[in-house]
Amino acid sequence: MNIRFIILFVVILNGIYDILCATSILKITNLPPLDRLHLSMFHTKPNRSILACYLFINGCIRIIGIYLKKYSIVSLSYFIEAGYILYETIQNNTIQYKAYFVIITSLLLAGFILVY
């Protein structure tokens, strides 16, 4: 198994996770831990519908982007996610350690996708 396969597999799993979180936030599926994970990162809770839509679109971009081999678009979705969470962190609207984890992992995945 090579590093590229592992990275793409992690991205696909992350896309599935984002879609499951979105459906759980909207109460389409009943997955108790997933409906709170993203919301628990914020001090002031974002609009549930907008957050769920954002997560669903990100998940679709990541899965379809890997399938179509459009890696730059997949990487861009991670850069946007890191930028959004960084903005919310600067505005003091996030729990710091959770935000830093998302920012660092998003930037690492974006970079790995571009390099490999």
C-alpha atoms as a PDB file:
ATOM      1  CA  MET A   1       0.000   0.000   0.000  1.00  0.00           C
ATOM      2  CA  ASN A   2       1.466   3.370  -0.938  1.00  0.00           C
ATOM      3  CA  ILE A   3       1.097   6.763   0.729  1.00  0.00           C
ATOM      4  CA  ARG A   4      -1.122   8.144  -2.061  1.00  0.00           C
ATOM      5  CA  PHE A   5      -3.685   5.384  -1.553  1.00  0.00           C
ATOM      6  CA  ILE A   6      -3.754   6.019   2.208  1.00  0.00           C
ATOM      7  CA  ILE A   7      -4.243   9.778   1.736  1.00  0.00           C
ATOM      8  CA  LEU A   8      -7.061   9.297  -0.777  1.00  0.00           C
ATOM      9  CA  PHE A   9      -8.696   6.724   1.491  1.00  0.00           C
ATOM     10  CA  VAL A  10      -8.577   9.144   4.442  1.00  0.00           C
ATOM     11  CA  VAL A  11     -10.127  11.879   2.256  1.00  0.00           C
ATOM     12  CA  ILE A  12     -12.957   9.568   1.167  1.00  0.00           C
ATOM     13  CA  LEU A  13     -13.603   8.567   4.788  1.00  0.00           C
ATOM     14  CA  ASN A  14     -13.607  12.244   5.758  1.00  0.00           C
ATOM     15  CA  GLY A  15     -16.120  12.954   2.982  1.00  0.00           C
ATOM     16  CA  ILE A  16     -18.403  10.196   4.246  1.00  0.00           C
ATOM     17  CA  TYR A  17     -17.990  11.515   7.794  1.00  0.00           C
ATOM     18  CA  ASP A  18     -18.945  15.053   6.684  1.00  0.00           C
ATOM     19  CA  ILE A  19     -22.069  13.787   4.910  1.00  0.00           C
ATOM     20  CA  LEU A  20     -23.105  11.693   7.936  1.00  0.00           C
ATOM     21  CA  CYS A  21     -22.562  14.690  10.232  1.00  0.00           C
ATOM     22  CA  ALA A  22     -24.672  16.875   7.940  1.00  0.00           C
ATOM     23  CA  THR A  23     -27.544  14.398   7.853  1.00  0.00           C
ATOM     24  CA  SER A  24     -27.323  13.972  11.616  1.00  0.00           C
ATOM     25  CA  ILE A  25     -27.367  17.745  12.260  1.00  0.00           C
ATOM     26  CA  LEU A  26     -30.497  18.003  10.110  1.00  0.00           C
ATOM     27  CA  LYS A  27     -32.034  15.039  11.988  1.00  0.00           C
ATOM     28  CA  ILE A  28     -32.294  12.989   8.773  1.00  0.00           C
ATOM     29  CA  THR A  29     -30.291  10.233  10.457  1.00  0.00           C
ATOM     30  CA  ASN A  30     -30.080   9.517  14.166  1.00  0.00           C
ATOM     31  CA  LEU A  31     -26.359   9.388  14.936  1.00  0.00           C
ATOM     32  CA  PRO A  32     -26.128  11.050  18.371  1.00  0.00           C
ATOM     33  CA  PRO A  33     -22.405  11.798  18.577  1.00  0.00           C
ATOM     34  CA  LEU A  34     -22.217  13.139  15.020  1.00  0.00           C
ATOM     35  CA  ASP A  35     -24.937  15.755  15.459  1.00  0.00           C
ATOM     36  CA  ARG A  36     -22.913  17.478  18.178  1.00  0.00           C
ATOM     37  CA  LEU A  37     -19.274  17.155  17.079  1.00  0.00           C
ATOM     38  CA  HIS A  38     -19.133  20.165  14.759  1.00  0.00           C
ATOM     39  CA  LEU A  39     -21.536  22.264  16.811  1.00  0.00           C
ATOM     40  CA  SER A  40     -19.516  21.719  19.995  1.00  0.00           C
ATOM     41  CA  MET A  41     -16.554  23.543  18.474  1.00  0.00           C
ATOM     42  CA  PHE A  42     -18.335  26.918  18.502  1.00  0.00           C
ATOM     43  CA  HIS A  43     -19.183  29.213  21.430  1.00  0.00           C
ATOM     44  CA  THR A  44     -21.980  30.877  19.445  1.00  0.00           C
ATOM     45  CA  LYS A  45     -23.743  28.109  17.584  1.00  0.00           C
ATOM     46  CA  PRO A  46     -23.928  28.620  13.810  1.00  0.00           C
ATOM     47  CA  ASN A  47     -27.159  28.147  11.903  1.00  0.00           C
ATOM     48  CA  ARG A  48     -27.676  24.368  11.820  1.00  0.00           C
ATOM     49  CA  SER A  49     -29.007  24.330   8.257  1.00  0.00           C
ATOM     50  CA  ILE A  50     -26.125  26.365   6.862  1.00  0.00           C
ATOM     51  CA  LEU A  51     -23.515  24.291   8.709  1.00  0.00           C
ATOM     52  CA  ALA A  52     -25.140  21.055   7.531  1.00  0.00           C
ATOM     53  CA  CYS A  53     -25.262  22.317   3.940  1.00  0.00           C
ATOM     54  CA  TYR A  54     -21.593  23.336   4.145  1.00  0.00           C
ATOM     55  CA  LEU A  55     -20.623  19.907   5.512  1.00  0.00           C
ATOM     56  CA  PHE A  56     -22.701  18.051   2.941  1.00  0.00           C
ATOM     57  CA  ILE A  57     -21.194  20.010   0.049  1.00  0.00           C
ATOM     58  CA  ASN A  58     -17.669  19.496   1.419  1.00  0.00           C
ATOM     59  CA  GLY A  59     -18.287  15.763   1.735  1.00  0.00           C
ATOM     60  CA  CYS A  60     -19.599  15.542  -1.829  1.00  0.00           C
ATOM     61  CA  ILE A  61     -16.697  17.602  -3.192  1.00  0.00           C
ATOM     62  CA  ARG A  62     -14.203  15.317  -1.489  1.00  0.00           C
ATOM     63  CA  ILE A  63     -15.759  12.023  -2.578  1.00  0.00           C
ATOM     64  CA  ILE A  64     -16.592  13.082  -6.144  1.00  0.00           C
ATOM     65  CA  GLY A  65     -13.292  14.955  -6.500  1.00  0.00           C
ATOM     66  CA  ILE A  66     -11.314  11.822  -5.639  1.00  0.00           C
ATOM     67  CA  TYR A  67     -13.464   9.736  -7.987  1.00  0.00           C
ATOM     68  CA  LEU A  68     -12.930  12.214 -10.867  1.00  0.00           C
ATOM     69  CA  LYS A  69      -9.257  12.739  -9.942  1.00  0.00           C
ATOM     70  CA  LYS A  70      -9.774  16.499  -9.453  1.00  0.00           C
ATOM     71  CA  TYR A  71      -7.333  16.668  -6.566  1.00  0.00           C
ATOM     72  CA  SER A  72      -6.842  20.437  -6.694  1.00  0.00           C
ATOM     73  CA  ILE A  73     -10.557  20.984  -5.967  1.00  0.00           C
ATOM     74  CA  VAL A  74     -10.423  18.520  -3.080  1.00  0.00           C
ATOM     75  CA  SER A  75      -7.357  20.292  -1.723  1.00  0.00           C
ATOM     76  CA  LEU A  76      -9.093  23.657  -2.078  1.00  0.00           C
ATOM     77  CA  SER A  77     -12.004  22.383   0.036  1.00  0.00           C
ATOM     78  CA  TYR A  78      -9.549  21.696   2.862  1.00  0.00           C
ATOM     79  CA  PHE A  79      -7.908  25.128   2.508  1.00  0.00           C
ATOM     80  CA  ILE A  80     -11.354  26.759   2.682  1.00  0.00           C
ATOM     81  CA  GLU A  81     -12.244  24.717   5.764  1.00  0.00           C
ATOM     82  CA  ALA A  82      -8.996  25.742   7.477  1.00  0.00           C
ATOM     83  CA  GLY A  83      -9.616  29.389   6.548  1.00  0.00           C
ATOM     84  CA  TYR A  84     -13.182  29.338   7.851  1.00  0.00           C
ATOM     85  CA  ILE A  85     -12.184  27.813  11.191  1.00  0.00           C
ATOM     86  CA  LEU A  86      -9.203  30.178  11.471  1.00  0.00           C
ATOM     87  CA  TYR A  87     -11.536  33.142  10.924  1.00  0.00           C
ATOM     88  CA  GLU A  88     -13.931  31.872  13.602  1.00  0.00           C
ATOM     89  CA  THR A  89     -10.968  31.336  15.948  1.00  0.00           C
ATOM     90  CA  ILE A  90      -9.707  34.895  15.396  1.00  0.00           C
ATOM     91  CA  GLN A  91     -13.243  36.088  16.224  1.00  0.00           C
ATOM     92  CA  ASN A  92     -13.013  34.102  19.505  1.00  0.00           C
ATOM     93  CA  ASN A  93     -15.973  31.957  18.500  1.00  0.00           C
ATOM     94  CA  THR A  94     -14.314  28.540  18.766  1.00  0.00           C
ATOM     95  CA  ILE A  95     -12.940  26.270  21.434  1.00  0.00           C
ATOM     96  CA  GLN A  96      -9.231  26.691  20.793  1.00  0.00           C
ATOM     97  CA  TYR A  97      -7.875  23.142  20.919  1.00  0.00           C
ATOM     98  CA  LYS A  98     -10.669  21.810  18.686  1.00  0.00           C
ATOM     99  CA  ALA A  99     -10.182  24.625  16.185  1.00  0.00           C
ATOM    100  CA  TYR A 100      -6.413  24.155  16.042  1.00  0.00           C
ATOM    101  CA  PHE A 101      -6.877  20.438  15.433  1.00  0.00           C
ATOM    102  CA  VAL A 102      -9.215  21.121  12.480  1.00  0.00           C
ATOM    103  CA  ILE A 103      -6.963  23.842  11.047  1.00  0.00           C
ATOM    104  CA  ILE A 104      -3.784  21.747  11.254  1.00  0.00           C
ATOM    105  CA  THR A 105      -5.339  18.543   9.889  1.00  0.00           C
ATOM    106  CA  SER A 106      -7.079  20.432   7.068  1.00  0.00           C
ATOM    107  CA  LEU A 107      -3.838  22.129   6.025  1.00  0.00           C
ATOM    108  CA  LEU A 108      -1.906  18.859   6.236  1.00  0.00           C
ATOM    109  CA  LEU A 109      -4.470  16.992   4.135  1.00  0.00           C
ATOM    110  CA  ALA A 110      -4.598  19.825   1.587  1.00  0.00           C
ATOM    111  CA  GLY A 111      -0.814  19.776   1.296  1.00  0.00           C
ATOM    112  CA  PHE A 112      -0.566  15.982   1.108  1.00  0.00           C
ATOM    113  CA  ILE A 113      -3.195  15.867  -1.623  1.00  0.00           C
ATOM    114  CA  LEU A 114      -1.242  18.387  -3.706  1.00  0.00           C
ATOM    115  CA  VAL A 115       2.171  16.781  -3.121  1.00  0.00           C
ATOM    116  CA  TYR A 116       1.198  13.146  -3.568  1.00  0.00           C
END
